Amino acid sequence: MATNYQRGRAFEYRVRNEMTRMGAVYIMRAAQSKGAADLIVLWPRRERIWTSLEKSYVVEHPRRAPWLVQCKLGKGGMPPAERELLIDIADQTGSLPILARQFVPRGPMEFINLQTEEVV
């Protein structure tokens, strides 16, 4: 039987893998919930698009802010103090405070910007 820690860690890895698929360049995980954010996610500034073997072009993206991600499984949500801390740190660093949540095991993931309450 998996412990809550093992389930949470496995979810953090699934979130990391999904963000890699979304194009993240670098993801750092804070082990054992030692930080305000479980994951810090950095995004590319430019993306190389391949059109053929000989030709490619680079697309410049507007600066995409890093994400500070807190991962939560189930319907519990984030305690208000944790939420406020993450929002405060994100504000100080120019990052986005993101809640990654999943209500049922292996179900769909949601990424919510905690400043705007919008799904991203």
Protein backbone atom coordinates (compact mmCIF):
# COMPACT_ATOMS: atom_id res chain seq x y z
CA MET A 1 0.00 0.00 0.00
CA ALA A 2 1.42 3.37 -1.02
CA THR A 3 1.79 6.09 1.59
CA ASN A 4 0.46 9.63 1.12
CA TYR A 5 4.05 10.77 0.56
CA GLN A 6 4.56 8.18 -2.20
CA ARG A 7 1.27 9.13 -3.90
CA GLY A 8 2.17 12.82 -3.70
CA ARG A 9 5.67 12.24 -5.08
CA ALA A 10 4.28 10.16 -7.95
CA PHE A 11 1.83 12.97 -8.76
CA GLU A 12 4.67 15.53 -8.74
CA TYR A 13 6.52 13.36 -11.28
CA ARG A 14 3.40 13.14 -13.47
CA VAL A 15 3.04 16.93 -13.33
CA ARG A 16 6.74 17.29 -14.22
CA ASN A 17 6.29 14.96 -17.20
CA GLU A 18 3.22 16.87 -18.40
CA MET A 19 5.05 20.19 -18.18
CA THR A 20 7.95 18.73 -20.13
CA ARG A 21 5.45 17.73 -22.82
CA MET A 22 4.11 21.32 -22.69
CA GLY A 23 7.60 22.57 -23.58
CA ALA A 24 9.25 23.41 -20.25
CA VAL A 25 13.01 23.78 -20.53
CA TYR A 26 13.94 23.17 -16.89
CA ILE A 27 12.01 21.81 -13.91
CA MET A 28 13.34 21.60 -10.37
CA ARG A 29 11.57 19.56 -7.70
CA ALA A 30 11.73 20.42 -4.00
CA ALA A 31 11.91 17.02 -2.33
CA GLN A 32 9.87 16.17 0.78
CA SER A 33 7.77 19.35 0.59
CA LYS A 34 10.64 21.46 1.93
CA GLY A 35 9.67 24.60 0.03
CA ALA A 36 6.68 26.82 -0.74
CA ALA A 37 6.57 25.29 -4.24
CA ASP A 38 6.87 21.62 -5.17
CA LEU A 39 8.18 22.47 -8.64
CA ILE A 40 9.88 25.45 -10.26
CA VAL A 41 9.29 25.49 -14.01
CA LEU A 42 11.22 27.54 -16.58
CA TRP A 43 9.92 28.03 -20.11
CA PRO A 44 11.78 28.67 -23.38
CA ARG A 45 12.10 32.14 -24.82
CA ARG A 46 12.40 30.85 -28.34
CA GLU A 47 11.32 27.69 -30.06
CA ARG A 48 12.86 26.10 -33.15
CA ILE A 49 10.27 24.88 -35.62
CA TRP A 50 11.43 22.32 -38.18
CA THR A 51 9.81 22.47 -41.59
CA SER A 52 12.09 20.03 -43.38
CA LEU A 53 15.52 18.48 -42.98
CA GLU A 54 17.20 21.52 -44.52
CA LYS A 55 15.10 24.40 -43.21
CA SER A 56 13.97 25.54 -39.81
CA TYR A 57 12.93 28.80 -38.25
CA VAL A 58 12.86 30.21 -34.74
CA VAL A 59 9.74 31.61 -33.13
CA GLU A 60 10.25 34.23 -30.40
CA HIS A 61 7.73 34.01 -27.58
CA PRO A 62 6.89 36.92 -25.36
CA ARG A 63 8.69 36.42 -22.06
CA ARG A 64 6.88 33.59 -20.31
CA ALA A 65 7.15 33.91 -16.55
CA PRO A 66 8.48 30.96 -14.54
CA TRP A 67 5.90 28.90 -12.67
CA LEU A 68 6.00 28.11 -8.96
CA VAL A 69 3.86 24.98 -8.75
CA GLN A 70 2.16 23.43 -5.73
CA CYS A 71 0.84 19.92 -6.46
CA LYS A 72 -2.31 18.67 -4.69
CA LEU A 73 -4.15 15.39 -5.05
CA GLY A 74 -7.82 14.96 -4.16
CA LYS A 75 -10.45 17.48 -3.20
CA GLY A 76 -8.62 18.97 -0.18
CA GLY A 77 -7.08 21.99 -1.87
CA MET A 78 -4.44 24.32 -0.44
CA PRO A 79 -4.51 25.70 3.09
CA PRO A 80 -4.92 29.51 2.98
CA ALA A 81 -1.51 30.17 4.58
CA GLU A 82 0.27 28.01 1.95
CA ARG A 83 -1.68 29.70 -0.82
CA GLU A 84 -0.82 33.22 0.39
CA LEU A 85 2.87 32.32 0.80
CA LEU A 86 3.07 30.95 -2.74
CA ILE A 87 1.30 34.01 -4.18
CA ASP A 88 3.58 36.35 -2.20
CA ILE A 89 6.80 34.61 -3.35
CA ALA A 90 5.56 34.54 -6.96
CA ASP A 91 4.77 38.26 -6.78
CA GLN A 92 8.24 39.05 -5.41
CA THR A 93 9.99 37.00 -8.10
CA GLY A 94 7.87 37.78 -11.18
CA SER A 95 6.64 34.19 -11.32
CA LEU A 96 3.17 32.69 -11.62
CA PRO A 97 1.75 30.80 -8.62
CA ILE A 98 0.23 27.65 -10.08
CA LEU A 99 -1.85 24.97 -8.38
CA ALA A 100 -1.59 21.60 -10.14
CA ARG A 101 -4.44 19.42 -8.98
CA GLN A 102 -5.98 16.09 -9.77
CA PHE A 103 -9.21 14.95 -8.14
CA VAL A 104 -9.02 11.25 -8.94
CA PRO A 105 -5.92 9.08 -9.36
CA ARG A 106 -4.77 9.03 -12.99
CA GLY A 107 -7.57 11.47 -13.85
CA PRO A 108 -7.16 14.75 -15.74
CA MET A 109 -4.82 17.40 -14.32
CA GLU A 110 -5.72 21.06 -13.92
CA PHE A 111 -3.26 23.94 -13.74
CA ILE A 112 -4.73 27.01 -12.03
CA ASN A 113 -3.15 30.45 -11.75
CA LEU A 114 -3.76 31.32 -8.10
CA GLN A 115 -3.64 35.07 -8.77
CA THR A 116 -6.44 35.03 -11.35
CA GLU A 117 -8.14 31.68 -10.52
CA GLU A 118 -8.00 30.88 -14.25
CA VAL A 119 -7.10 27.50 -15.70
CA VAL A 120 -3.87 27.79 -17.70
